[in-house]
C-alpha atoms as a PDB file:
ATOM      1  CA  MET A   1     111.127 298.125 183.201  1.00  0.00           C
ATOM      2  CA  LYS A   2     112.992 297.528 179.924  1.00  0.00           C
ATOM      3  CA  ASN A   3     111.078 299.029 177.345  1.00  0.00           C
ATOM      4  CA  LYS A   4     112.316 296.538 174.441  1.00  0.00           C
ATOM      5  CA  LEU A   5     109.128 294.699 174.335  1.00  0.00           C
ATOM      6  CA  LYS A   6     109.531 292.892 171.250  1.00  0.00           C
ATOM      7  CA  ILE A   7     106.064 291.464 170.128  1.00  0.00           C
ATOM      8  CA  ILE A   8     102.952 292.218 172.288  1.00  0.00           C
ATOM      9  CA  LEU A   9      99.547 289.838 171.390  1.00  0.00           C
ATOM     10  CA  LEU A  10      95.899 291.125 172.907  1.00  0.00           C
ATOM     11  CA  ILE A  11      94.945 287.456 173.027  1.00  0.00           C
ATOM     12  CA  CYS A  12      91.649 288.884 174.559  1.00  0.00           C
ATOM     13  CA  SER A  13      89.882 292.259 175.629  1.00  0.00           C
ATOM     14  CA  CYS A  14      91.215 292.717 178.974  1.00  0.00           C
ATOM     15  CA  SER A  15      92.512 296.242 180.486  1.00  0.00           C
ATOM     16  CA  PHE A  16      96.181 296.315 181.752  1.00  0.00           C
ATOM     17  CA  LEU A  17      97.534 298.956 182.649  1.00  0.00           C
ATOM     18  CA  GLN A  18     101.601 299.717 182.841  1.00  0.00           C
ATOM     19  CA  GLY A  19     102.831 300.441 186.486  1.00  0.00           C
ATOM     20  CA  SER A  20     103.605 299.136 189.920  1.00  0.00           C
ATOM     21  CA  CYS A  21     102.427 295.458 190.708  1.00  0.00           C
ATOM     22  CA  GLN A  22      99.942 295.115 193.749  1.00  0.00           C
ATOM     23  CA  GLN A  23      99.357 291.989 195.656  1.00  0.00           C
ATOM     24  CA  LYS A  24      95.861 290.499 196.337  1.00  0.00           C
ATOM     25  CA  ASN A  25      95.262 288.500 198.977  1.00  0.00           C
ATOM     26  CA  THR A  26      93.204 285.490 198.593  1.00  0.00           C
ATOM     27  CA  ALA A  27      92.550 283.104 201.715  1.00  0.00           C
ATOM     28  CA  GLN A  28      94.628 280.553 200.647  1.00  0.00           C
ATOM     29  CA  MET A  29      97.858 282.369 199.275  1.00  0.00           C
ATOM     30  CA  ASN A  30      99.006 285.797 197.661  1.00  0.00           C
ATOM     31  CA  LYS A  31      98.548 287.009 194.449  1.00  0.00           C
ATOM     32  CA  PHE A  32      99.935 289.242 192.240  1.00  0.00           C
ATOM     33  CA  GLU A  33     100.490 291.120 188.926  1.00  0.00           C
ATOM     34  CA  TRP A  34     102.796 289.979 186.377  1.00  0.00           C
ATOM     35  CA  LEU A  35     103.123 288.637 183.141  1.00  0.00           C
ATOM     36  CA  PRO A  36     105.350 285.617 181.863  1.00  0.00           C
ATOM     37  CA  THR A  37     107.331 286.436 178.754  1.00  0.00           C
ATOM     38  CA  GLU A  38     110.694 284.389 177.124  1.00  0.00           C
ATOM     39  CA  THR A  39     113.948 285.207 175.340  1.00  0.00           C
ATOM     40  CA  ALA A  40     116.993 283.230 174.019  1.00  0.00           C
ATOM     41  CA  PRO A  41     120.972 285.042 173.353  1.00  0.00           C
ATOM     42  CA  LYS A  42     120.995 286.902 170.048  1.00  0.00           C
ATOM     43  CA  ASN A  43     122.606 284.870 167.263  1.00  0.00           C
ATOM     44  CA  TYR A  44     121.139 281.572 168.993  1.00  0.00           C
ATOM     45  CA  PRO A  45     117.556 281.457 168.414  1.00  0.00           C
ATOM     46  CA  VAL A  46     115.361 278.897 169.704  1.00  0.00           C
ATOM     47  CA  TYR A  47     111.693 277.486 168.491  1.00  0.00           C
ATOM     48  CA  LEU A  48     109.847 277.723 171.818  1.00  0.00           C
ATOM     49  CA  TYR A  49     107.309 274.398 171.229  1.00  0.00           C
ATOM     50  CA  LYS A  50     105.117 274.423 174.092  1.00  0.00           C
ATOM     51  CA  ALA A  51     105.556 276.555 177.655  1.00  0.00           C
ATOM     52  CA  TYR A  52     103.746 277.180 180.341  1.00  0.00           C
ATOM     53  CA  PHE A  53     103.883 277.553 184.750  1.00  0.00           C
ATOM     54  CA  THR A  54     101.717 275.704 186.568  1.00  0.00           C
ATOM     55  CA  ALA A  55     100.376 277.850 189.523  1.00  0.00           C
ATOM     56  CA  GLU A  56      99.960 277.442 193.286  1.00  0.00           C
ATOM     57  CA  ASP A  57      96.392 277.219 192.661  1.00  0.00           C
ATOM     58  CA  ASN A  58      97.140 274.613 190.252  1.00  0.00           C
ATOM     59  CA  SER A  59      96.355 277.293 187.465  1.00  0.00           C
ATOM     60  CA  TYR A  60      98.259 277.384 184.103  1.00  0.00           C
ATOM     61  CA  ILE A  61      99.872 280.395 183.068  1.00  0.00           C
ATOM     62  CA  ARG A  62     100.837 280.113 179.230  1.00  0.00           C
ATOM     63  CA  ILE A  63     104.699 281.391 178.309  1.00  0.00           C
ATOM     64  CA  PRO A  64     104.641 282.711 175.020  1.00  0.00           C
ATOM     65  CA  ASP A  65     105.106 279.923 172.313  1.00  0.00           C
ATOM     66  CA  LYS A  66     104.756 278.901 168.874  1.00  0.00           C
ATOM     67  CA  ARG A  67     107.337 280.987 167.968  1.00  0.00           C
ATOM     68  CA  THR A  68     111.048 281.557 167.571  1.00  0.00           C
ATOM     69  CA  VAL A  69     112.575 283.439 170.073  1.00  0.00           C
ATOM     70  CA  TYR A  70     116.115 285.651 169.981  1.00  0.00           C
ATOM     71  CA  TYR A  71     115.362 289.082 171.446  1.00  0.00           C
ATOM     72  CA  GLY A  72     118.855 289.122 173.456  1.00  0.00           C
ATOM     73  CA  TRP A  73     119.801 287.533 177.057  1.00  0.00           C
ATOM     74  CA  GLY A  74     118.066 288.655 179.884  1.00  0.00           C
ATOM     75  CA  GLU A  75     115.718 290.721 177.827  1.00  0.00           C
ATOM     76  CA  ILE A  76     112.005 290.757 177.661  1.00  0.00           C
ATOM     77  CA  GLY A  77     109.895 289.495 174.465  1.00  0.00           C
ATOM     78  CA  SER A  78     106.748 288.355 174.018  1.00  0.00           C
ATOM     79  CA  ILE A  79     104.087 289.110 175.946  1.00  0.00           C
ATOM     80  CA  HIS A  80     100.199 287.364 176.510  1.00  0.00           C
ATOM     81  CA  ILE A  81      97.944 289.659 178.215  1.00  0.00           C
ATOM     82  CA  SER A  82      95.119 287.465 178.813  1.00  0.00           C
ATOM     83  CA  GLY A  83      93.301 286.008 182.095  1.00  0.00           C
ATOM     84  CA  ASP A  84      93.234 287.514 185.388  1.00  0.00           C
ATOM     85  CA  ASP A  85      95.156 290.520 186.223  1.00  0.00           C
ATOM     86  CA  TYR A  86      96.178 288.938 189.490  1.00  0.00           C
ATOM     87  CA  LYS A  87      97.984 285.411 188.867  1.00  0.00           C
ATOM     88  CA  ALA A  88      99.330 283.046 191.796  1.00  0.00           C
ATOM     89  CA  VAL A  89     102.869 282.352 192.584  1.00  0.00           C
ATOM     90  CA  PRO A  90     104.371 279.890 189.486  1.00  0.00           C
ATOM     91  CA  LYS A  91     105.769 276.481 192.205  1.00  0.00           C
ATOM     92  CA  LYS A  92     106.084 274.641 187.874  1.00  0.00           C
ATOM     93  CA  MET A  93     107.802 275.577 184.310  1.00  0.00           C
ATOM     94  CA  ASN A  94     107.222 272.997 181.410  1.00  0.00           C
ATOM     95  CA  LEU A  95     109.011 273.704 178.182  1.00  0.00           C
ATOM     96  CA  ILE A  96     109.665 272.002 175.001  1.00  0.00           C
ATOM     97  CA  TRP A  97     111.994 273.666 172.366  1.00  0.00           C
ATOM     98  CA  LEU A  98     114.006 273.390 169.230  1.00  0.00           C
ATOM     99  CA  ALA A  99     117.411 274.839 169.788  1.00  0.00           C
ATOM    100  CA  TYR A 100     118.300 275.938 165.999  1.00  0.00           C
ATOM    101  CA  THR A 101     122.182 276.307 166.452  1.00  0.00           C
ATOM    102  CA  GLU A 102     121.886 272.548 167.396  1.00  0.00           C
ATOM    103  CA  ASN A 103     119.554 270.988 165.670  1.00  0.00           C
ATOM    104  CA  LYS A 104     118.557 269.309 168.658  1.00  0.00           C
ATOM    105  CA  TYR A 105     114.941 269.167 170.836  1.00  0.00           C
ATOM    106  CA  TYR A 106     114.963 269.924 174.460  1.00  0.00           C
ATOM    107  CA  LYS A 107     112.400 269.145 177.544  1.00  0.00           C
ATOM    108  CA  ALA A 108     112.152 270.558 180.831  1.00  0.00           C
ATOM    109  CA  GLU A 109     109.693 269.978 183.637  1.00  0.00           C
ATOM    110  CA  VAL A 110     110.948 271.990 186.960  1.00  0.00           C
ATOM    111  CA  GLU A 111     110.149 272.858 190.146  1.00  0.00           C
ATOM    112  CA  LEU A 112     110.504 276.102 190.970  1.00  0.00           C
ATOM    113  CA  PRO A 113     111.134 278.008 194.303  1.00  0.00           C
ATOM    114  CA  HIS A 114     107.680 279.603 194.895  1.00  0.00           C
ATOM    115  CA  LYS A 115     108.402 280.652 198.276  1.00  0.00           C
ATOM    116  CA  LYS A 116     111.157 282.774 197.085  1.00  0.00           C
ATOM    117  CA  ILE A 117     109.207 284.193 194.341  1.00  0.00           C
ATOM    118  CA  ASP A 118     106.580 285.139 196.638  1.00  0.00           C
ATOM    119  CA  SER A 119     108.940 287.281 198.503  1.00  0.00           C
ATOM    120  CA  LEU A 120     110.524 288.616 195.780  1.00  0.00           C
ATOM    121  CA  PHE A 121     106.793 289.834 194.328  1.00  0.00           C
ATOM    122  CA  GLN A 122     106.597 291.617 198.098  1.00  0.00           C
ATOM    123  CA  LEU A 123     109.857 293.978 197.604  1.00  0.00           C
ATOM    124  CA  GLU A 124     109.357 297.309 197.399  1.00  0.00           C
ATOM    125  CA  LEU A 125     111.841 298.891 194.875  1.00  0.00           C
ATOM    126  CA  LYS A 126     112.268 302.274 194.069  1.00  0.00           C
ATOM    127  CA  ASP A 127     112.188 303.619 190.837  1.00  0.00           C
ATOM    128  CA  PRO A 128     115.759 305.494 190.368  1.00  0.00           C
ATOM    129  CA  ARG A 129     113.897 307.777 188.062  1.00  0.00           C
ATOM    130  CA  THR A 130     110.879 308.989 189.327  1.00  0.00           C
ATOM    131  CA  GLU A 131     111.526 307.797 193.228  1.00  0.00           C
ATOM    132  CA  ASN A 132     108.062 306.352 193.236  1.00  0.00           C
ATOM    133  CA  ILE A 133     107.283 302.360 195.011  1.00  0.00           C
ATOM    134  CA  GLN A 134     107.796 299.799 191.897  1.00  0.00           C
ATOM    135  CA  HIS A 135     107.572 295.839 192.287  1.00  0.00           C
ATOM    136  CA  PHE A 136     108.637 293.059 190.024  1.00  0.00           C
ATOM    137  CA  ASP A 137     106.203 292.521 187.395  1.00  0.00           C
ATOM    138  CA  TYR A 138     107.578 290.127 184.957  1.00  0.00           C
ATOM    139  CA  ILE A 139     108.873 286.567 185.102  1.00  0.00           C
ATOM    140  CA  SER A 140     111.471 285.709 182.081  1.00  0.00           C
ATOM    141  CA  VAL A 141     112.406 282.534 180.222  1.00  0.00           C
ATOM    142  CA  GLY A 142     115.717 282.814 178.717  1.00  0.00           C
ATOM    143  CA  ILE A 143     117.047 279.539 177.065  1.00  0.00           C
ATOM    144  CA  ALA A 144     120.908 279.449 176.197  1.00  0.00           C
ATOM    145  CA  PRO A 145     122.340 276.556 173.705  1.00  0.00           C
ATOM    146  CA  GLY A 146     123.118 273.104 175.813  1.00  0.00           C
ATOM    147  CA  GLY A 147     119.414 273.311 177.189  1.00  0.00           C
ATOM    148  CA  MET A 148     119.985 275.523 180.051  1.00  0.00           C
ATOM    149  CA  ILE A 149     117.282 277.586 180.972  1.00  0.00           C
ATOM    150  CA  THR A 150     117.683 280.764 183.449  1.00  0.00           C
ATOM    151  CA  LEU A 151     114.427 282.506 184.839  1.00  0.00           C
ATOM    152  CA  TRP A 152     114.694 286.429 185.990  1.00  0.00           C
ATOM    153  CA  MET A 153     112.191 288.710 188.030  1.00  0.00           C
ATOM    154  CA  ILE A 154     112.086 292.016 186.298  1.00  0.00           C
ATOM    155  CA  GLY A 155     110.920 295.020 187.627  1.00  0.00           C
ATOM    156  CA  THR A 156     111.452 299.262 186.327  1.00  0.00           C
ATOM    157  CA  ALA A 157     115.045 298.976 187.617  1.00  0.00           C
ATOM    158  CA  TYR A 158     115.645 295.646 188.653  1.00  0.00           C
ATOM    159  CA  GLN A 159     116.045 292.320 187.501  1.00  0.00           C
ATOM    160  CA  ILE A 160     117.078 289.245 190.087  1.00  0.00           C
ATOM    161  CA  GLU A 161     118.050 285.553 188.591  1.00  0.00           C
ATOM    162  CA  ILE A 162     115.752 283.126 190.071  1.00  0.00           C
ATOM    163  CA  GLY A 163     117.473 279.949 189.261  1.00  0.00           C
ATOM    164  CA  THR A 164     119.500 278.345 186.342  1.00  0.00           C
ATOM    165  CA  TYR A 165     118.142 274.556 184.843  1.00  0.00           C
ATOM    166  CA  TYR A 166     118.608 272.216 182.645  1.00  0.00           C
ATOM    167  CA  GLY A 167     116.321 270.299 180.201  1.00  0.00           C
ATOM    168  CA  THR A 168     117.305 267.016 178.456  1.00  0.00           C
ATOM    169  CA  LYS A 169     116.971 265.976 174.970  1.00  0.00           C
ATOM    170  CA  THR A 170     113.963 264.604 173.475  1.00  0.00           C
ATOM    171  CA  GLU A 171     112.463 263.888 170.072  1.00  0.00           C
ATOM    172  CA  VAL A 172     109.334 265.868 168.638  1.00  0.00           C
ATOM    173  CA  ASP A 173     107.292 265.616 165.115  1.00  0.00           C
ATOM    174  CA  PHE A 174     108.686 268.763 163.500  1.00  0.00           C
ATOM    175  CA  LYS A 175     105.455 268.420 161.280  1.00  0.00           C
ATOM    176  CA  GLU A 176     103.187 268.152 164.467  1.00  0.00           C
ATOM    177  CA  MET A 177     105.296 271.104 165.766  1.00  0.00           C
ATOM    178  CA  ILE A 178     105.059 273.418 163.206  1.00  0.00           C
ATOM    179  CA  PRO A 179     101.441 271.614 160.777  1.00  0.00           C
ATOM    180  CA  THR A 180     101.521 275.095 158.505  1.00  0.00           C
ATOM    181  CA  THR A 181     105.100 275.143 156.761  1.00  0.00           C
ATOM    182  CA  ASN A 182     106.023 273.650 153.749  1.00  0.00           C
ATOM    183  CA  LEU A 183     109.589 273.498 154.393  1.00  0.00           C
ATOM    184  CA  SER A 184     111.135 270.239 155.223  1.00  0.00           C
ATOM    185  CA  GLU A 185     112.948 270.247 158.974  1.00  0.00           C
ATOM    186  CA  LYS A 186     116.257 270.892 157.618  1.00  0.00           C
ATOM    187  CA  GLU A 187     114.839 273.780 155.446  1.00  0.00           C
ATOM    188  CA  PHE A 188     113.014 275.499 158.058  1.00  0.00           C
ATOM    189  CA  ILE A 189     116.180 275.238 160.263  1.00  0.00           C
ATOM    190  CA  ASN A 190     118.739 276.371 158.143  1.00  0.00           C
ATOM    191  CA  SER A 191     115.953 279.128 157.316  1.00  0.00           C
ATOM    192  CA  THR A 192     115.806 280.710 160.253  1.00  0.00           C
ATOM    193  CA  LEU A 193     119.700 280.519 160.873  1.00  0.00           C
ATOM    194  CA  LYS A 194     120.290 282.338 157.867  1.00  0.00           C
ATOM    195  CA  ASP A 195     117.364 285.538 159.000  1.00  0.00           C
ATOM    196  CA  GLU A 196     118.849 285.134 162.818  1.00  0.00           C
ATOM    197  CA  VAL A 197     122.192 284.690 163.003  1.00  0.00           C
ATOM    198  CA  SER A 198     125.094 286.835 161.933  1.00  0.00           C
ATOM    199  CA  ASP A 199     127.568 285.492 158.967  1.00  0.00           C
ATOM    200  CA  THR A 200     130.672 285.296 161.782  1.00  0.00           C
ATOM    201  CA  VAL A 201     128.775 283.613 164.206  1.00  0.00           C
ATOM    202  CA  LEU A 202     126.864 281.202 161.365  1.00  0.00           C
ATOM    203  CA  LYS A 203     130.348 280.282 160.325  1.00  0.00           C
ATOM    204  CA  GLU A 204     131.400 279.027 163.776  1.00  0.00           C
ATOM    205  CA  ILE A 205     128.175 277.371 164.221  1.00  0.00           C
ATOM    206  CA  LYS A 206     129.035 274.897 160.812  1.00  0.00           C
ATOM    207  CA  THR A 207     132.374 274.009 162.109  1.00  0.00           C
ATOM    208  CA  GLY A 208     130.591 273.005 165.445  1.00  0.00           C
ATOM    209  CA  ASN A 209     132.108 276.108 167.709  1.00  0.00           C
ATOM    210  CA  ILE A 210     128.831 276.872 170.109  1.00  0.00           C
ATOM    211  CA  PRO A 211     130.439 278.277 173.191  1.00  0.00           C
ATOM    212  CA  PHE A 212     128.272 276.402 175.616  1.00  0.00           C
ATOM    213  CA  ASP A 213     129.636 277.601 178.530  1.00  0.00           C
ATOM    214  CA  ARG A 214     129.211 281.094 177.876  1.00  0.00           C
ATOM    215  CA  TRP A 215     126.043 281.753 179.480  1.00  0.00           C
ATOM    216  CA  LYS A 216     127.031 279.833 182.618  1.00  0.00           C
ATOM    217  CA  ASN A 217     130.007 281.634 183.579  1.00  0.00           C
ATOM    218  CA  TYR A 218     127.989 284.494 183.139  1.00  0.00           C
ATOM    219  CA  GLY A 219     126.601 283.832 186.332  1.00  0.00           C
ATOM    220  CA  LYS A 220     129.843 283.487 188.325  1.00  0.00           C
ATOM    221  CA  LYS A 221     129.622 286.514 190.957  1.00  0.00           C
ATOM    222  CA  TYR A 222     132.417 288.774 192.113  1.00  0.00           C
ATOM    223  CA  ASN A 223     132.902 291.423 194.990  1.00  0.00           C
ATOM    224  CA  TRP A 224     132.704 294.953 193.237  1.00  0.00           C
ATOM    225  CA  LYS A 225     131.487 298.523 193.349  1.00  0.00           C
ATOM    226  CA  ILE A 226     130.680 301.515 191.279  1.00  0.00           C
ATOM    227  CA  VAL A 227     132.719 305.143 192.182  1.00  0.00           C
ATOM    228  CA  LEU A 228     132.271 308.520 190.895  1.00  0.00           C
ATOM    229  CA  SER A 229     135.360 310.886 190.511  1.00  0.00           C
ATOM    230  CA  HIS A 230     135.846 314.532 189.612  1.00  0.00           C
ATOM    231  CA  LYS A 231     137.810 317.235 188.898  1.00  0.00           C
ATOM    232  CA  GLU A 232     136.013 319.599 190.583  1.00  0.00           C
ATOM    233  CA  GLU A 233     133.217 319.345 193.524  1.00  0.00           C
ATOM    234  CA  PHE A 234     129.962 317.296 192.709  1.00  0.00           C
ATOM    235  CA  VAL A 235     127.486 315.419 194.306  1.00  0.00           C
ATOM    236  CA  PRO A 236     127.279 311.600 192.988  1.00  0.00           C
ATOM    237  CA  GLY A 237     123.957 310.222 192.935  1.00  0.00           C
ATOM    238  CA  GLN A 238     123.382 307.013 191.447  1.00  0.00           C
ATOM    239  CA  ALA A 239     124.329 303.682 189.032  1.00  0.00           C
ATOM    240  CA  LYS A 240     121.791 301.386 187.065  1.00  0.00           C
ATOM    241  CA  ILE A 241     124.058 298.159 186.794  1.00  0.00           C
ATOM    242  CA  THR A 242     123.186 295.848 183.874  1.00  0.00           C
ATOM    243  CA  MET A 243     125.494 292.567 184.293  1.00  0.00           C
ATOM    244  CA  VAL A 244     126.442 289.803 181.943  1.00  0.00           C
ATOM    245  CA  ASN A 245     123.991 287.450 183.815  1.00  0.00           C
ATOM    246  CA  GLY A 246     121.113 289.612 182.690  1.00  0.00           C
ATOM    247  CA  GLU A 247     120.638 290.827 186.481  1.00  0.00           C
ATOM    248  CA  GLN A 248     120.146 294.723 187.104  1.00  0.00           C
ATOM    249  CA  ASP A 249     121.330 296.560 190.726  1.00  0.00           C
ATOM    250  CA  VAL A 250     120.954 300.200 191.009  1.00  0.00           C
ATOM    251  CA  GLN A 251     124.039 301.496 193.479  1.00  0.00           C
ATOM    252  CA  TYR A 252     122.665 304.620 195.359  1.00  0.00           C
ATOM    253  CA  PHE A 253     125.849 306.772 196.788  1.00  0.00           C
ATOM    254  CA  ASP A 254     123.869 307.143 199.721  1.00  0.00           C
ATOM    255  CA  ASN A 255     124.803 304.820 202.515  1.00  0.00           C
ATOM    256  CA  ASP A 256     121.359 304.628 204.176  1.00  0.00           C
ATOM    257  CA  ILE A 257     119.925 302.436 200.526  1.00  0.00           C
ATOM    258  CA  LYS A 258     121.304 299.301 199.434  1.00  0.00           C
ATOM    259  CA  PRO A 259     121.875 297.501 196.555  1.00  0.00           C
ATOM    260  CA  ILE A 260     119.430 294.423 196.365  1.00  0.00           C
ATOM    261  CA  LEU A 261     121.877 292.089 195.606  1.00  0.00           C
ATOM    262  CA  GLU A 262     124.856 291.012 197.905  1.00  0.00           C
ATOM    263  CA  SER A 263     127.384 290.979 195.119  1.00  0.00           C
ATOM    264  CA  TRP A 264     127.304 291.311 191.161  1.00  0.00           C
ATOM    265  CA  ALA A 265     128.251 289.006 187.612  1.00  0.00           C
ATOM    266  CA  LEU A 266     130.644 291.248 185.575  1.00  0.00           C
ATOM    267  CA  PRO A 267     128.883 294.641 184.466  1.00  0.00           C
ATOM    268  CA  SER A 268     127.882 294.814 180.816  1.00  0.00           C
ATOM    269  CA  SER A 269     126.974 298.707 181.182  1.00  0.00           C
ATOM    270  CA  THR A 270     126.097 301.136 183.778  1.00  0.00           C
ATOM    271  CA  ARG A 271     124.009 304.141 183.459  1.00  0.00           C
ATOM    272  CA  ILE A 272     125.504 306.786 186.071  1.00  0.00           C
ATOM    273  CA  GLN A 273     124.255 310.375 187.274  1.00  0.00           C
ATOM    274  CA  TRP A 274     125.442 313.287 189.174  1.00  0.00           C
ATOM    275  CA  GLN A 275     124.824 316.881 190.179  1.00  0.00           C
ATOM    276  CA  ASP A 276     127.728 319.455 189.504  1.00  0.00           C
ATOM    277  CA  LYS A 277     129.113 322.236 191.249  1.00  0.00           C
ATOM    278  CA  ASN A 278     126.887 324.362 189.763  1.00  0.00           C
ATOM    279  CA  GLY A 279     123.367 322.316 190.434  1.00  0.00           C
ATOM    280  CA  ASN A 280     123.116 320.721 187.118  1.00  0.00           C
ATOM    281  CA  LEU A 281     122.257 317.238 186.438  1.00  0.00           C
ATOM    282  CA  PHE A 282     124.047 315.016 184.590  1.00  0.00           C
ATOM    283  CA  ALA A 283     123.985 311.449 183.573  1.00  0.00           C
ATOM    284  CA  ALA A 284     126.144 309.052 181.279  1.00  0.00           C
ATOM    285  CA  LYS A 285     125.564 305.904 179.438  1.00  0.00           C
ATOM    286  CA  LEU A 286     129.128 302.728 180.327  1.00  0.00           C
ATOM    287  CA  LEU A 287     128.829 300.364 177.837  1.00  0.00           C
ATOM    288  CA  PHE A 288     131.687 297.809 178.607  1.00  0.00           C
ATOM    289  CA  ASP A 289     133.764 295.567 175.708  1.00  0.00           C
ATOM    290  CA  GLU A 290     133.183 292.092 177.560  1.00  0.00           C
ATOM    291  CA  GLN A 291     136.526 290.767 176.513  1.00  0.00           C
ATOM    292  CA  GLU A 292     138.437 293.579 178.427  1.00  0.00           C
ATOM    293  CA  THR A 293     136.232 293.548 181.537  1.00  0.00           C
ATOM    294  CA  THR A 294     136.640 289.630 181.758  1.00  0.00           C
ATOM    295  CA  LYS A 295     140.379 289.868 181.550  1.00  0.00           C
ATOM    296  CA  ALA A 296     140.662 293.036 184.003  1.00  0.00           C
ATOM    297  CA  PHE A 297     138.912 291.373 186.493  1.00  0.00           C
ATOM    298  CA  LYS A 298     140.708 288.140 186.079  1.00  0.00           C
ATOM    299  CA  THR A 299     144.395 290.320 186.436  1.00  0.00           C
ATOM    300  CA  LEU A 300     143.178 291.839 189.688  1.00  0.00           C
ATOM    301  CA  LEU A 301     141.131 289.441 191.362  1.00  0.00           C
ATOM    302  CA  THR A 302     143.941 287.240 192.919  1.00  0.00           C
ATOM    303  CA  GLU A 303     143.851 285.149 196.153  1.00  0.00           C
ATOM    304  CA  ASN A 304     144.994 288.182 198.084  1.00  0.00           C
ATOM    305  CA  ASN A 305     142.649 290.907 196.186  1.00  0.00           C
ATOM    306  CA  LYS A 306     139.523 289.917 196.440  1.00  0.00           C
ATOM    307  CA  GLU A 307     137.941 293.531 195.797  1.00  0.00           C
ATOM    308  CA  VAL A 308     137.513 295.792 192.498  1.00  0.00           C
ATOM    309  CA  VAL A 309     136.642 298.825 192.365  1.00  0.00           C
ATOM    310  CA  LEU A 310     135.497 300.585 189.133  1.00  0.00           C
ATOM    311  CA  LYS A 311     135.695 304.315 188.729  1.00  0.00           C
ATOM    312  CA  ALA A 312     134.208 306.444 186.322  1.00  0.00           C
ATOM    313  CA  HIS A 313     136.720 310.071 186.529  1.00  0.00           C
ATOM    314  CA  ILE A 314     134.404 312.307 185.284  1.00  0.00           C
ATOM    315  CA  GLY A 315     136.198 315.618 183.864  1.00  0.00           C
ATOM    316  CA  THR A 316     135.917 319.436 184.524  1.00  0.00           C
ATOM    317  CA  PHE A 317     133.488 320.381 182.190  1.00  0.00           C
ATOM    318  CA  ASN A 318     131.359 317.031 182.562  1.00  0.00           C
ATOM    319  CA  ASP A 319     131.928 316.066 178.942  1.00  0.00           C
ATOM    320  CA  THR A 320     134.183 313.680 179.322  1.00  0.00           C
ATOM    321  CA  ILE A 321     134.373 310.162 181.274  1.00  0.00           C
ATOM    322  CA  LYS A 322     137.938 307.405 182.016  1.00  0.00           C
ATOM    323  CA  THR A 323     136.937 304.410 183.324  1.00  0.00           C
ATOM    324  CA  THR A 324     138.868 302.242 185.218  1.00  0.00           C
ATOM    325  CA  LEU A 325     139.311 298.865 187.486  1.00  0.00           C
ATOM    326  CA  SER A 326     141.436 298.923 190.488  1.00  0.00           C
ATOM    327  CA  ASN A 327     142.186 297.519 193.902  1.00  0.00           C
ATOM    328  CA  ASN A 328     145.230 297.520 195.884  1.00  0.00           C
ATOM    329  CA  GLY A 329     146.987 300.269 194.097  1.00  0.00           C
ATOM    330  CA  ASN A 330     146.712 298.117 191.071  1.00  0.00           C
ATOM    331  CA  GLU A 331     145.036 300.270 188.092  1.00  0.00           C
ATOM    332  CA  ILE A 332     143.899 298.997 184.767  1.00  0.00           C
ATOM    333  CA  GLU A 333     142.072 301.708 182.718  1.00  0.00           C
ATOM    334  CA  LEU A 334     139.217 300.261 180.393  1.00  0.00           C
ATOM    335  CA  THR A 335     139.831 301.588 177.218  1.00  0.00           C
ATOM    336  CA  LYS A 336     137.052 299.741 175.077  1.00  0.00           C
ATOM    337  CA  THR A 337     134.464 301.493 177.454  1.00  0.00           C
ATOM    338  CA  GLN A 338     131.722 303.235 174.599  1.00  0.00           C
ATOM    339  CA  ILE A 339     130.556 306.424 176.808  1.00  0.00           C
ATOM    340  CA  LYS A 340     127.362 309.120 176.306  1.00  0.00           C
ATOM    341  CA  VAL A 341     126.974 311.905 178.595  1.00  0.00           C
ATOM    342  CA  TYR A 342     124.486 313.935 178.451  1.00  0.00           C
ATOM    343  CA  SER A 343     123.136 316.605 180.439  1.00  0.00           C
ATOM    344  CA  LYS A 344     119.317 315.798 182.391  1.00  0.00           C
ATOM    345  CA  THR A 345     117.910 318.910 180.984  1.00  0.00           C
ATOM    346  CA  ASP A 346     118.200 317.449 177.386  1.00  0.00           C
END
């Protein structure tokens, strides 16, 4: 489970135990312990006006709304702890929002793949740190420029995209949307942009330069894997991969445990673990440069070379790592990768 919870709102006095999501069977349908949350890319905030799921039992499950959203693509945002712990699977989603950077309102009414969501809730996931069994326990709604909406299922170490959808432009009475503000619509938008958008991006937005295709392109999948190498004898452990499209998966270097996704988007970061020849445990966090990684993948992935290996070359004393992309004898070093190595005993 990601640990970047930005806001927690306690709407009513109900207990919430953080941990594994459990299934509850009823006469009609399965119910699961899960919570909705919302997010948007940093520097491209939205005001989420109305947002809710309609579940299989026709109940309404409110997505946190009446707020500005900007937490980062694929992140967990606000949490409402209310209602029953066990909720039915959502079958429909309704949203109305203001895209600040576009100065436009959007609405969406989306039919969701509830059978797929039900099956994902039933998956048993191995926590790579504790080896305990976990389940998906969040459904996150991400909103990007151009009316794009992406839904993810989120668990302790895993995150899977449910689907990507698009809203349509609409009209909203600003004073009805935010009756408490004394600002005009234009003043409110400009104030938010000044507070939540970097100066560099704000200059681009003012010239009409919004990268509408960026988040759509993030969803492109590739055939690649991670390999660890060492100057000395060692035992590779696992790699937790976070991808640019918000998905997360775990690659165990034990062939008996497979990743849950068949293919991956470009890597954003990864956390690797290994054991050296003396039995000491180490881990490292690798943060990739998006432009460098994108260029390297495009260079290596041709019609005849369809698989790429991302290799972490661990130094003799476990304190240095070099990262490369390679296939069929061609290799590109990723010199801009930010790397932090630490001992598991730290």
